[in-house]
């Protein structure tokens, strides 16, 4: 906020200098309470620091925007890229114009300073389970439960709650990915073996 206020004062000082021949730079800097050197730089065409791309940023603003749009696009399709993949994308852009490669922590810092992105541990999601998220299939299943209750006279007290936890055989750890600021999951191929534990935790009312 203080930076914006100072920039506003600098603009007023520049307008005062341009509108009055008697208004010199030092007088304007003192009158509007802005640094004389900063005022001189603005008059000479030097942009504010907030509008300048940091020298530590390997990519240009346009290149970063293109990279962010690409990440959001593939994340929307359910394939959020790993940080190593984001690093490879940046290096591909830099190599195309002969620039040096990014560092090891560049991708992590890039996601941190982009408000559109975030990092999270990606959880593997079984392919068959993803297919079952069709609203029509879910509605049909609950309708079947209702029909079976009516047919056999099943009461609420006859329902038991179970919890389950699945372990993907061969998948020992999750991966850090870059994605949009919304929840997403990676869909597995469905070829891995799945070990499921089921534990009874008590009685509950389903309806």
N, C-alpha and C. Protein backbone atom coordinates (compact mmCIF):
# COMPACT_ATOMS: atom_id res chain seq x y z
N UNK A 1 0.82 -1.19 0.00
CA UNK A 1 0.00 0.00 0.00
C UNK A 1 0.87 1.26 0.00
N UNK A 2 1.95 1.26 0.79
CA UNK A 2 2.84 2.41 0.85
C UNK A 2 3.49 2.65 -0.50
N UNK A 3 3.85 1.56 -1.20
CA UNK A 3 4.47 1.69 -2.52
C UNK A 3 3.50 2.33 -3.50
N UNK A 4 2.22 1.93 -3.46
CA UNK A 4 1.23 2.51 -4.35
C UNK A 4 1.03 3.99 -4.05
N UNK A 5 1.03 4.35 -2.78
CA UNK A 5 0.88 5.75 -2.40
C UNK A 5 2.05 6.58 -2.89
N UNK A 6 3.26 6.03 -2.77
CA UNK A 6 4.45 6.74 -3.24
C UNK A 6 4.42 6.92 -4.75
N UNK A 7 3.99 5.90 -5.46
CA UNK A 7 3.91 6.00 -6.92
C UNK A 7 2.90 7.06 -7.32
N UNK A 8 1.78 7.14 -6.58
CA UNK A 8 0.78 8.17 -6.87
C UNK A 8 1.35 9.57 -6.65
N UNK A 9 2.14 9.73 -5.59
CA UNK A 9 2.77 11.02 -5.31
C UNK A 9 3.80 11.38 -6.38
N UNK A 10 4.51 10.37 -6.88
CA UNK A 10 5.49 10.61 -7.94
C UNK A 10 4.79 11.10 -9.20
N UNK A 11 3.66 10.49 -9.52
CA UNK A 11 2.90 10.92 -10.71
C UNK A 11 2.44 12.37 -10.56
N UNK A 12 1.97 12.73 -9.37
CA UNK A 12 1.56 14.11 -9.13
C UNK A 12 2.75 15.07 -9.25
N UNK A 13 3.91 14.65 -8.76
CA UNK A 13 5.11 15.50 -8.84
C UNK A 13 5.53 15.70 -10.29
N UNK A 14 5.47 14.65 -11.09
CA UNK A 14 5.85 14.75 -12.50
C UNK A 14 4.89 15.69 -13.24
N UNK A 15 3.59 15.59 -12.94
CA UNK A 15 2.61 16.46 -13.57
C UNK A 15 2.85 17.92 -13.17
N UNK A 16 3.24 18.13 -11.91
CA UNK A 16 3.51 19.50 -11.45
C UNK A 16 4.72 20.08 -12.17
N UNK A 17 5.76 19.27 -12.38
CA UNK A 17 6.96 19.73 -13.08
C UNK A 17 6.66 20.08 -14.53
N UNK A 18 5.82 19.25 -15.16
CA UNK A 18 5.50 19.46 -16.57
C UNK A 18 4.55 20.65 -16.77
N UNK A 19 3.74 20.94 -15.78
CA UNK A 19 2.75 22.02 -15.94
C UNK A 19 3.30 23.38 -15.51
N UNK A 20 4.39 23.38 -14.76
CA UNK A 20 4.94 24.65 -14.29
C UNK A 20 6.45 24.70 -14.54
N UNK A 21 6.90 25.75 -15.21
CA UNK A 21 8.32 25.90 -15.48
C UNK A 21 9.11 26.25 -14.22
N UNK A 22 8.46 26.78 -13.20
CA UNK A 22 9.13 27.16 -11.97
C UNK A 22 9.30 25.98 -11.01
N UNK A 23 8.65 24.88 -11.33
CA UNK A 23 8.70 23.71 -10.44
C UNK A 23 9.88 22.82 -10.86
N UNK A 24 10.93 22.83 -10.07
CA UNK A 24 12.10 22.00 -10.35
C UNK A 24 11.95 20.64 -9.67
N UNK A 25 12.81 19.71 -10.04
CA UNK A 25 12.70 18.34 -9.53
C UNK A 25 12.88 18.26 -8.02
N UNK A 26 13.90 18.94 -7.50
CA UNK A 26 14.14 18.88 -6.06
C UNK A 26 12.99 19.51 -5.27
N UNK A 27 12.46 20.59 -5.79
CA UNK A 27 11.35 21.25 -5.13
C UNK A 27 10.12 20.35 -5.14
N UNK A 28 9.88 19.71 -6.29
CA UNK A 28 8.72 18.81 -6.41
C UNK A 28 8.89 17.59 -5.49
N UNK A 29 10.12 17.06 -5.43
CA UNK A 29 10.37 15.90 -4.58
C UNK A 29 10.12 16.23 -3.11
N UNK A 30 10.53 17.44 -2.71
CA UNK A 30 10.32 17.86 -1.33
C UNK A 30 8.86 18.14 -1.05
N UNK A 31 8.18 18.77 -2.03
CA UNK A 31 6.78 19.14 -1.85
C UNK A 31 5.89 17.90 -1.76
N UNK A 32 6.15 16.90 -2.60
CA UNK A 32 5.30 15.69 -2.63
C UNK A 32 5.89 14.54 -1.79
N UNK A 33 7.00 14.82 -1.11
CA UNK A 33 7.60 13.85 -0.19
C UNK A 33 7.94 12.52 -0.87
N UNK A 34 8.68 12.63 -1.94
CA UNK A 34 9.15 11.43 -2.65
C UNK A 34 10.66 11.54 -2.83
N UNK A 35 11.37 10.42 -2.93
CA UNK A 35 12.83 10.48 -3.12
C UNK A 35 13.19 11.18 -4.43
N UNK A 36 14.17 12.06 -4.35
CA UNK A 36 14.58 12.82 -5.54
C UNK A 36 15.10 11.88 -6.64
N UNK A 37 15.92 10.88 -6.27
CA UNK A 37 16.48 9.97 -7.26
C UNK A 37 15.38 9.15 -7.94
N UNK A 38 14.40 8.71 -7.15
CA UNK A 38 13.30 7.94 -7.73
C UNK A 38 12.49 8.79 -8.69
N UNK A 39 12.25 10.04 -8.32
CA UNK A 39 11.51 10.96 -9.19
C UNK A 39 12.28 11.19 -10.49
N UNK A 40 13.59 11.35 -10.39
CA UNK A 40 14.41 11.55 -11.58
C UNK A 40 14.36 10.31 -12.49
N UNK A 41 14.42 9.14 -11.89
CA UNK A 41 14.35 7.90 -12.69
C UNK A 41 13.03 7.79 -13.43
N UNK A 42 11.91 8.14 -12.76
CA UNK A 42 10.61 8.07 -13.44
C UNK A 42 10.55 9.05 -14.60
N UNK A 43 11.10 10.24 -14.42
CA UNK A 43 11.09 11.24 -15.50
C UNK A 43 11.94 10.74 -16.67
N UNK A 44 13.02 10.01 -16.37
CA UNK A 44 13.91 9.48 -17.42
C UNK A 44 13.39 8.18 -18.03
N UNK A 45 12.22 7.74 -17.60
CA UNK A 45 11.61 6.57 -18.21
C UNK A 45 11.88 5.24 -17.53
N UNK A 46 12.50 5.25 -16.36
CA UNK A 46 12.75 4.01 -15.64
C UNK A 46 11.46 3.56 -14.96
N UNK A 47 10.95 2.34 -15.25
CA UNK A 47 9.67 1.89 -14.68
C UNK A 47 9.81 1.53 -13.21
N UNK A 48 8.71 1.48 -12.47
CA UNK A 48 8.76 1.06 -11.06
C UNK A 48 9.26 -0.37 -10.93
N UNK A 49 9.84 -0.68 -9.78
CA UNK A 49 10.39 -2.02 -9.56
C UNK A 49 9.30 -3.09 -9.65
N UNK A 50 8.07 -2.74 -9.23
CA UNK A 50 6.98 -3.71 -9.26
C UNK A 50 6.60 -4.12 -10.67
N UNK A 51 6.93 -3.27 -11.67
CA UNK A 51 6.60 -3.57 -13.05
C UNK A 51 7.75 -4.23 -13.79
N UNK A 52 8.86 -4.38 -13.13
CA UNK A 52 10.04 -4.99 -13.76
C UNK A 52 10.10 -6.48 -13.46
N UNK A 53 10.47 -7.28 -14.44
CA UNK A 53 10.67 -8.70 -14.22
C UNK A 53 11.99 -8.91 -13.49
N UNK A 54 11.94 -9.65 -12.41
CA UNK A 54 13.14 -9.89 -11.62
C UNK A 54 14.21 -10.58 -12.46
N UNK A 55 15.47 -10.24 -12.20
CA UNK A 55 16.56 -10.89 -12.92
C UNK A 55 16.66 -12.37 -12.57
N UNK A 56 16.09 -12.72 -11.41
CA UNK A 56 16.12 -14.12 -11.00
C UNK A 56 15.08 -14.96 -11.74
N UNK A 57 14.16 -14.31 -12.44
CA UNK A 57 13.15 -15.02 -13.21
C UNK A 57 13.75 -15.43 -14.55
N UNK A 58 13.88 -16.71 -14.78
CA UNK A 58 14.48 -17.17 -16.02
C UNK A 58 13.59 -16.92 -17.23
N UNK A 59 12.30 -17.09 -17.06
CA UNK A 59 11.35 -16.93 -18.15
C UNK A 59 10.83 -15.50 -18.21
N UNK A 60 10.44 -15.07 -19.39
CA UNK A 60 9.80 -13.77 -19.53
C UNK A 60 8.36 -13.89 -19.02
N UNK A 61 7.70 -12.75 -18.87
CA UNK A 61 6.31 -12.76 -18.39
C UNK A 61 5.42 -13.53 -19.35
N UNK A 62 5.63 -13.34 -20.65
CA UNK A 62 4.81 -14.05 -21.63
C UNK A 62 5.05 -15.56 -21.56
N UNK A 63 6.30 -15.95 -21.41
CA UNK A 63 6.62 -17.38 -21.30
C UNK A 63 6.01 -18.00 -20.05
N UNK A 64 6.03 -17.25 -18.95
CA UNK A 64 5.42 -17.76 -17.72
C UNK A 64 3.91 -17.91 -17.88
N UNK A 65 3.27 -16.96 -18.54
CA UNK A 65 1.83 -17.05 -18.75
C UNK A 65 1.48 -18.27 -19.61
N UNK A 66 2.27 -18.51 -20.64
CA UNK A 66 2.05 -19.67 -21.49
C UNK A 66 2.21 -20.95 -20.70
N UNK A 67 3.24 -21.01 -19.85
CA UNK A 67 3.50 -22.20 -19.04
C UNK A 67 2.35 -22.44 -18.05
N UNK A 68 1.86 -21.38 -17.41
CA UNK A 68 0.76 -21.52 -16.46
C UNK A 68 -0.49 -22.02 -17.17
N UNK A 69 -0.80 -21.47 -18.33
CA UNK A 69 -1.98 -21.91 -19.07
C UNK A 69 -1.87 -23.39 -19.46
N UNK A 70 -0.66 -23.81 -19.82
CA UNK A 70 -0.46 -25.21 -20.19
C UNK A 70 -0.66 -26.13 -18.98
N UNK A 71 -0.14 -25.72 -17.82
CA UNK A 71 -0.31 -26.52 -16.60
C UNK A 71 -1.79 -26.63 -16.24
N UNK A 72 -2.51 -25.52 -16.31
CA UNK A 72 -3.94 -25.54 -15.98
C UNK A 72 -4.72 -26.39 -16.97
N UNK A 73 -4.29 -26.38 -18.22
CA UNK A 73 -4.99 -27.14 -19.26
C UNK A 73 -4.86 -28.64 -19.01
N UNK A 74 -3.64 -29.11 -18.77
CA UNK A 74 -3.46 -30.55 -18.57
C UNK A 74 -3.98 -30.99 -17.20
N UNK A 75 -3.99 -30.08 -16.22
CA UNK A 75 -4.57 -30.41 -14.92
C UNK A 75 -6.07 -30.59 -15.04
N UNK A 76 -6.72 -29.77 -15.88
CA UNK A 76 -8.16 -29.89 -16.10
C UNK A 76 -8.51 -31.24 -16.71
N UNK A 77 -7.58 -31.83 -17.44
CA UNK A 77 -7.82 -33.13 -18.06
C UNK A 77 -7.52 -34.28 -17.10
N UNK A 78 -7.06 -33.96 -15.88
CA UNK A 78 -6.81 -34.99 -14.89
C UNK A 78 -5.38 -35.49 -14.84
N UNK A 79 -4.44 -34.74 -15.44
CA UNK A 79 -3.04 -35.17 -15.46
C UNK A 79 -2.14 -34.04 -14.97
N UNK A 80 -2.31 -33.66 -13.71
CA UNK A 80 -1.48 -32.59 -13.14
C UNK A 80 -0.01 -32.97 -13.25
N UNK A 81 0.84 -32.09 -13.79
CA UNK A 81 2.25 -32.44 -13.99
C UNK A 81 3.05 -32.43 -12.69
N UNK A 82 4.02 -33.31 -12.60
CA UNK A 82 4.94 -33.28 -11.46
C UNK A 82 5.83 -32.05 -11.57
N UNK A 83 6.45 -31.69 -10.45
CA UNK A 83 7.34 -30.53 -10.46
C UNK A 83 8.50 -30.74 -11.43
N UNK A 84 8.96 -31.99 -11.55
CA UNK A 84 10.02 -32.28 -12.50
C UNK A 84 9.54 -32.02 -13.93
N UNK A 85 8.26 -32.29 -14.18
CA UNK A 85 7.70 -32.01 -15.49
C UNK A 85 7.61 -30.53 -15.78
N UNK A 86 7.26 -29.73 -14.76
CA UNK A 86 7.22 -28.28 -14.90
C UNK A 86 8.61 -27.75 -15.21
N UNK A 87 9.61 -28.31 -14.53
CA UNK A 87 11.00 -27.92 -14.78
C UNK A 87 11.42 -28.25 -16.21
N UNK A 88 11.01 -29.42 -16.70
CA UNK A 88 11.34 -29.80 -18.08
C UNK A 88 10.69 -28.86 -19.08
N UNK A 89 9.45 -28.44 -18.80
CA UNK A 89 8.76 -27.50 -19.70
C UNK A 89 9.52 -26.18 -19.77
N UNK A 90 9.94 -25.68 -18.60
CA UNK A 90 10.66 -24.41 -18.56
C UNK A 90 12.00 -24.53 -19.30
N UNK A 91 12.70 -25.63 -19.10
CA UNK A 91 13.98 -25.82 -19.77
C UNK A 91 13.81 -25.93 -21.28
N UNK A 92 12.72 -26.53 -21.72
CA UNK A 92 12.46 -26.64 -23.16
C UNK A 92 12.29 -25.25 -23.78
N UNK A 93 11.55 -24.38 -23.06
CA UNK A 93 11.35 -23.01 -23.55
C UNK A 93 12.68 -22.26 -23.59
N UNK A 94 13.48 -22.42 -22.52
CA UNK A 94 14.76 -21.70 -22.45
C UNK A 94 15.75 -22.20 -23.50
N UNK A 95 15.78 -23.51 -23.71
CA UNK A 95 16.71 -24.07 -24.70
C UNK A 95 16.35 -23.63 -26.11
N UNK A 96 15.08 -23.34 -26.36
CA UNK A 96 14.66 -22.92 -27.70
C UNK A 96 15.23 -21.56 -28.07
N UNK A 97 15.59 -20.76 -27.05
CA UNK A 97 16.20 -19.45 -27.32
C UNK A 97 17.63 -19.36 -26.77
N UNK A 98 18.22 -20.50 -26.46
CA UNK A 98 19.62 -20.55 -26.07
C UNK A 98 19.92 -20.01 -24.69
N UNK A 99 18.94 -19.98 -23.79
CA UNK A 99 19.16 -19.48 -22.44
C UNK A 99 19.56 -20.62 -21.51
N UNK A 100 20.10 -20.27 -20.34
CA UNK A 100 20.55 -21.28 -19.39
C UNK A 100 19.36 -21.96 -18.72
N UNK A 101 19.57 -23.17 -18.26
CA UNK A 101 18.52 -23.97 -17.65
C UNK A 101 18.16 -23.46 -16.25
N UNK A 102 17.00 -23.82 -15.77
CA UNK A 102 16.58 -23.40 -14.44
C UNK A 102 17.24 -24.28 -13.38
N UNK A 103 17.23 -23.80 -12.13
CA UNK A 103 17.82 -24.56 -11.03
C UNK A 103 16.90 -25.65 -10.52
N UNK A 104 17.38 -26.42 -9.54
CA UNK A 104 16.64 -27.56 -9.03
C UNK A 104 15.37 -27.15 -8.30
N UNK A 105 15.38 -26.00 -7.62
CA UNK A 105 14.22 -25.56 -6.85
C UNK A 105 13.35 -24.57 -7.61
N UNK A 106 13.65 -24.35 -8.88
CA UNK A 106 12.92 -23.33 -9.63
C UNK A 106 11.44 -23.65 -9.73
N UNK A 107 11.10 -24.89 -10.05
CA UNK A 107 9.70 -25.26 -10.25
C UNK A 107 8.88 -25.04 -8.98
N UNK A 108 9.46 -25.41 -7.83
CA UNK A 108 8.76 -25.22 -6.56
C UNK A 108 8.52 -23.74 -6.28
N UNK A 109 9.51 -22.91 -6.50
CA UNK A 109 9.38 -21.48 -6.26
C UNK A 109 8.42 -20.84 -7.27
N UNK A 110 8.45 -21.35 -8.49
CA UNK A 110 7.56 -20.82 -9.54
C UNK A 110 6.10 -21.03 -9.15
N UNK A 111 5.77 -22.22 -8.68
CA UNK A 111 4.39 -22.52 -8.28
C UNK A 111 4.00 -21.68 -7.07
N UNK A 112 4.94 -21.45 -6.15
CA UNK A 112 4.65 -20.68 -4.94
C UNK A 112 4.28 -19.24 -5.25
N UNK A 113 4.92 -18.64 -6.25
CA UNK A 113 4.67 -17.23 -6.54
C UNK A 113 3.59 -17.01 -7.60
N UNK A 114 3.00 -18.09 -8.10
CA UNK A 114 1.90 -17.96 -9.05
C UNK A 114 0.59 -18.21 -8.32
N UNK A 115 -0.29 -17.22 -8.20
CA UNK A 115 -1.54 -17.40 -7.45
C UNK A 115 -2.48 -18.42 -8.06
N UNK A 116 -2.28 -18.75 -9.34
CA UNK A 116 -3.19 -19.70 -9.99
C UNK A 116 -2.85 -21.15 -9.66
N UNK A 117 -1.65 -21.38 -9.11
CA UNK A 117 -1.17 -22.74 -8.93
C UNK A 117 -0.94 -23.07 -7.46
N UNK A 118 -0.81 -24.34 -7.18
CA UNK A 118 -0.44 -24.83 -5.85
C UNK A 118 0.21 -26.19 -6.02
N UNK A 119 0.88 -26.66 -4.98
CA UNK A 119 1.46 -28.00 -4.99
C UNK A 119 0.72 -28.86 -3.98
N UNK A 120 0.65 -30.14 -4.26
CA UNK A 120 0.04 -31.09 -3.35
C UNK A 120 0.55 -32.49 -3.70
N UNK A 121 0.41 -33.41 -2.74
CA UNK A 121 0.74 -34.80 -3.01
C UNK A 121 -0.39 -35.42 -3.80
N UNK A 122 -0.08 -35.95 -4.94
CA UNK A 122 -1.08 -36.53 -5.82
C UNK A 122 -1.43 -37.93 -5.36
N UNK A 123 -2.73 -38.22 -5.19
CA UNK A 123 -3.17 -39.54 -4.74
C UNK A 123 -3.64 -40.35 -5.95
N UNK A 124 -3.11 -41.54 -6.08
CA UNK A 124 -3.48 -42.41 -7.19
C UNK A 124 -4.94 -42.84 -7.04
N UNK A 125 -5.69 -42.74 -8.09
CA UNK A 125 -7.12 -43.04 -8.09
C UNK A 125 -7.39 -44.15 -9.08
N UNK A 126 -8.01 -45.25 -8.63
CA UNK A 126 -8.22 -46.40 -9.48
C UNK A 126 -9.12 -46.07 -10.66
N UNK A 127 -8.78 -46.64 -11.81
CA UNK A 127 -9.50 -46.36 -13.06
C UNK A 127 -10.95 -46.81 -12.97
N UNK A 128 -11.20 -48.02 -12.44
CA UNK A 128 -12.56 -48.53 -12.34
C UNK A 128 -13.41 -47.68 -11.40
N UNK A 129 -12.80 -47.19 -10.32
CA UNK A 129 -13.55 -46.32 -9.41
C UNK A 129 -13.91 -45.01 -10.09
N UNK A 130 -13.02 -44.50 -10.91
CA UNK A 130 -13.32 -43.26 -11.63
C UNK A 130 -14.51 -43.44 -12.56
N UNK A 131 -14.60 -44.61 -13.19
CA UNK A 131 -15.74 -44.87 -14.08
C UNK A 131 -17.06 -44.90 -13.31
N UNK A 132 -17.00 -45.30 -12.05
CA UNK A 132 -18.22 -45.42 -11.24
C UNK A 132 -18.70 -44.09 -10.69
N UNK A 133 -18.04 -43.00 -11.01
CA UNK A 133 -18.49 -41.70 -10.52
C UNK A 133 -19.53 -41.06 -11.43
N UNK A 134 -20.04 -41.85 -12.36
CA UNK A 134 -21.12 -41.38 -13.22
C UNK A 134 -22.37 -41.18 -12.37
N UNK A 135 -22.97 -39.96 -12.35
CA UNK A 135 -24.16 -39.72 -11.52
C UNK A 135 -25.30 -40.69 -11.80
N UNK A 136 -25.47 -41.10 -13.06
CA UNK A 136 -26.55 -42.02 -13.40
C UNK A 136 -26.32 -43.39 -12.75
N UNK A 137 -25.06 -43.85 -12.73
CA UNK A 137 -24.76 -45.13 -12.11
C UNK A 137 -24.97 -45.07 -10.60
N UNK A 138 -24.57 -43.95 -9.98
CA UNK A 138 -24.73 -43.79 -8.54
C UNK A 138 -26.21 -43.77 -8.16
N UNK A 139 -27.01 -43.02 -8.93
CA UNK A 139 -28.44 -42.94 -8.66
C UNK A 139 -29.10 -44.30 -8.82
N UNK A 140 -28.66 -45.04 -9.84
CA UNK A 140 -29.23 -46.37 -10.07
C UNK A 140 -28.92 -47.31 -8.91
N UNK A 141 -27.72 -47.19 -8.33
CA UNK A 141 -27.35 -48.06 -7.21
C UNK A 141 -28.21 -47.78 -5.99
N UNK A 142 -28.43 -46.50 -5.65
CA UNK A 142 -29.26 -46.17 -4.51
C UNK A 142 -30.72 -46.57 -4.74
N UNK A 143 -31.17 -46.50 -5.98
CA UNK A 143 -32.52 -46.94 -6.28
C UNK A 143 -32.65 -48.45 -6.08
N UNK A 144 -31.58 -49.18 -6.43
CA UNK A 144 -31.57 -50.62 -6.21
C UNK A 144 -31.63 -50.94 -4.71
N UNK A 145 -30.91 -50.18 -3.89
CA UNK A 145 -30.95 -50.38 -2.44
C UNK A 145 -32.36 -50.15 -1.91
N UNK A 146 -33.01 -49.11 -2.39
CA UNK A 146 -34.37 -48.81 -1.96
C UNK A 146 -35.31 -49.96 -2.33
N UNK A 147 -35.16 -50.48 -3.54
CA UNK A 147 -36.02 -51.58 -3.99
C UNK A 147 -35.81 -52.83 -3.15
N UNK A 148 -34.54 -53.12 -2.81
CA UNK A 148 -34.25 -54.30 -2.01
C UNK A 148 -34.79 -54.14 -0.59
N UNK A 149 -34.75 -52.94 -0.05
CA UNK A 149 -35.30 -52.69 1.29
C UNK A 149 -36.81 -52.93 1.29
N UNK A 150 -37.47 -52.43 0.24
CA UNK A 150 -38.93 -52.60 0.17
C UNK A 150 -39.31 -54.06 -0.05
N UNK A 151 -38.51 -54.76 -0.85
CA UNK A 151 -38.84 -56.16 -1.18
C UNK A 151 -38.69 -57.09 0.02
N UNK A 152 -37.62 -56.90 0.82
CA UNK A 152 -37.33 -57.82 1.92
C UNK A 152 -37.64 -57.21 3.29
N UNK A 153 -38.20 -56.00 3.33
CA UNK A 153 -38.56 -55.39 4.60
C UNK A 153 -37.38 -55.09 5.49
N UNK A 154 -36.30 -54.59 4.94
CA UNK A 154 -35.08 -54.30 5.71
C UNK A 154 -35.25 -52.98 6.45
N UNK A 155 -35.00 -53.02 7.75
CA UNK A 155 -35.14 -51.83 8.59
C UNK A 155 -33.83 -51.06 8.68
N UNK A 156 -33.92 -49.83 9.19
CA UNK A 156 -32.71 -49.01 9.34
C UNK A 156 -31.71 -49.66 10.29
N UNK A 157 -32.20 -50.31 11.33
CA UNK A 157 -31.31 -50.90 12.33
C UNK A 157 -30.56 -52.12 11.79
N UNK A 158 -30.94 -52.57 10.60
CA UNK A 158 -30.26 -53.73 9.99
C UNK A 158 -29.06 -53.32 9.14
N UNK A 159 -28.79 -52.02 9.07
CA UNK A 159 -27.66 -51.54 8.27
C UNK A 159 -26.44 -51.33 9.17
N UNK A 160 -25.30 -51.71 8.67
CA UNK A 160 -24.04 -51.57 9.40
C UNK A 160 -23.06 -50.76 8.55
N UNK A 161 -22.32 -49.92 9.23
CA UNK A 161 -21.35 -49.06 8.54
C UNK A 161 -19.99 -49.74 8.49
N UNK A 162 -19.38 -49.73 7.33
CA UNK A 162 -18.05 -50.28 7.16
C UNK A 162 -17.15 -49.21 6.56
N UNK A 163 -15.89 -49.25 6.94
CA UNK A 163 -14.90 -48.35 6.35
C UNK A 163 -13.85 -49.20 5.66
N UNK A 164 -13.26 -48.65 4.62
CA UNK A 164 -12.27 -49.42 3.87
C UNK A 164 -11.08 -48.55 3.52
N UNK A 165 -9.93 -49.19 3.35
CA UNK A 165 -8.70 -48.52 2.94
C UNK A 165 -8.03 -49.37 1.89
N UNK A 166 -7.70 -48.77 0.77
CA UNK A 166 -7.08 -49.51 -0.32
C UNK A 166 -5.59 -49.23 -0.41
N UNK A 167 -4.82 -50.24 -0.77
CA UNK A 167 -3.38 -50.12 -0.95
C UNK A 167 -3.04 -50.59 -2.37
N UNK A 168 -2.48 -49.69 -3.18
CA UNK A 168 -2.09 -50.07 -4.54
C UNK A 168 -0.79 -50.85 -4.48
N UNK A 169 -0.82 -52.10 -4.91
CA UNK A 169 0.37 -52.94 -4.91
C UNK A 169 1.37 -52.41 -5.95
N UNK A 170 2.59 -52.15 -5.50
CA UNK A 170 3.61 -51.63 -6.40
C UNK A 170 3.72 -50.12 -6.38
N UNK A 171 2.74 -49.41 -5.77
CA UNK A 171 2.78 -47.96 -5.65
C UNK A 171 3.13 -47.65 -4.20
N UNK A 172 4.37 -47.23 -3.94
CA UNK A 172 4.84 -47.08 -2.57
C UNK A 172 4.82 -45.65 -2.07
N UNK A 173 4.66 -44.67 -2.95
CA UNK A 173 4.67 -43.30 -2.48
C UNK A 173 3.90 -42.41 -3.44
N UNK A 174 3.44 -41.27 -2.92
CA UNK A 174 2.76 -40.28 -3.75
C UNK A 174 3.79 -39.35 -4.36
N UNK A 175 3.37 -38.53 -5.32
CA UNK A 175 4.29 -37.61 -6.00
C UNK A 175 3.77 -36.19 -5.86
N UNK A 176 4.70 -35.24 -5.76
CA UNK A 176 4.33 -33.83 -5.68
C UNK A 176 4.04 -33.32 -7.08
N UNK A 177 2.86 -32.72 -7.27
CA UNK A 177 2.46 -32.24 -8.58
C UNK A 177 2.09 -30.77 -8.49
N UNK A 178 2.05 -30.11 -9.63
CA UNK A 178 1.60 -28.72 -9.73
C UNK A 178 0.24 -28.73 -10.40
N UNK A 179 -0.71 -28.00 -9.82
CA UNK A 179 -2.05 -28.03 -10.35
C UNK A 179 -2.75 -26.72 -10.04
N UNK A 180 -3.99 -26.61 -10.53
CA UNK A 180 -4.81 -25.45 -10.22
C UNK A 180 -5.21 -25.49 -8.76
N UNK A 181 -5.66 -24.35 -8.22
CA UNK A 181 -6.04 -24.31 -6.81
C UNK A 181 -7.42 -24.93 -6.60
N UNK A 182 -7.51 -26.21 -6.95
CA UNK A 182 -8.71 -27.00 -6.72
C UNK A 182 -8.30 -28.45 -6.63
N UNK A 183 -9.15 -29.29 -6.06
CA UNK A 183 -8.79 -30.68 -5.80
C UNK A 183 -8.80 -31.49 -7.08
N UNK A 184 -7.82 -32.34 -7.26
CA UNK A 184 -7.78 -33.24 -8.42
C UNK A 184 -7.07 -34.52 -8.03
N UNK A 185 -7.27 -35.56 -8.82
CA UNK A 185 -6.67 -36.85 -8.57
C UNK A 185 -6.11 -37.41 -9.86
N UNK A 186 -5.07 -38.22 -9.74
CA UNK A 186 -4.52 -38.91 -10.90
C UNK A 186 -5.23 -40.25 -11.04
N UNK A 187 -5.68 -40.55 -12.24
CA UNK A 187 -6.40 -41.79 -12.49
C UNK A 187 -5.41 -42.86 -12.93
N UNK A 188 -5.38 -43.97 -12.19
CA UNK A 188 -4.46 -45.05 -12.52
C UNK A 188 -4.94 -45.85 -13.72
N UNK A 189 -4.09 -46.74 -14.20
CA UNK A 189 -4.41 -47.54 -15.38
C UNK A 189 -5.37 -48.68 -15.07
N UNK A 190 -5.50 -49.03 -13.78
CA UNK A 190 -6.38 -50.13 -13.42
C UNK A 190 -5.71 -51.48 -13.48
N UNK A 191 -4.43 -51.52 -13.81
CA UNK A 191 -3.71 -52.78 -13.95
C UNK A 191 -3.02 -53.22 -12.67
N UNK A 192 -2.91 -52.31 -11.69
CA UNK A 192 -2.25 -52.68 -10.46
C UNK A 192 -3.19 -53.51 -9.58
N UNK A 193 -2.61 -54.37 -8.73
CA UNK A 193 -3.39 -55.13 -7.77
C UNK A 193 -3.74 -54.22 -6.60
N UNK A 194 -4.97 -54.35 -6.10
CA UNK A 194 -5.45 -53.49 -5.02
C UNK A 194 -5.81 -54.34 -3.81
N UNK A 195 -5.18 -54.07 -2.68
CA UNK A 195 -5.47 -54.74 -1.42
C UNK A 195 -6.40 -53.85 -0.61
N UNK A 196 -7.59 -54.37 -0.25
CA UNK A 196 -8.60 -53.59 0.45
C UNK A 196 -8.84 -54.18 1.84
N UNK A 197 -8.79 -53.33 2.88
CA UNK A 197 -9.12 -53.71 4.23
C UNK A 197 -10.50 -53.15 4.58
N UNK A 198 -11.36 -53.98 5.13
CA UNK A 198 -12.71 -53.55 5.50
C UNK A 198 -12.88 -53.76 7.00
N UNK A 199 -13.31 -52.73 7.71
CA UNK A 199 -13.45 -52.78 9.16
C UNK A 199 -14.85 -52.31 9.54
N UNK A 200 -15.54 -53.10 10.33
CA UNK A 200 -16.85 -52.70 10.85
C UNK A 200 -16.64 -51.72 12.00
N UNK A 201 -17.36 -50.58 11.94
CA UNK A 201 -17.18 -49.56 12.98
C UNK A 201 -18.45 -49.27 13.76
N UNK A 202 -19.59 -49.88 13.42
CA UNK A 202 -20.78 -49.63 14.21
C UNK A 202 -22.05 -49.64 13.39
N UNK A 203 -23.15 -49.32 14.02
CA UNK A 203 -24.45 -49.31 13.38
C UNK A 203 -24.82 -47.87 13.04
N UNK A 204 -25.45 -47.67 11.90
CA UNK A 204 -25.90 -46.32 11.55
C UNK A 204 -27.14 -46.40 10.70
N UNK A 205 -27.82 -45.29 10.55
CA UNK A 205 -29.02 -45.22 9.73
C UNK A 205 -28.64 -44.74 8.35
N UNK A 206 -28.95 -45.54 7.32
CA UNK A 206 -28.56 -45.18 5.96
C UNK A 206 -29.50 -44.12 5.40
N UNK A 207 -30.76 -44.19 5.73
CA UNK A 207 -31.71 -43.22 5.18
C UNK A 207 -32.36 -42.44 6.31
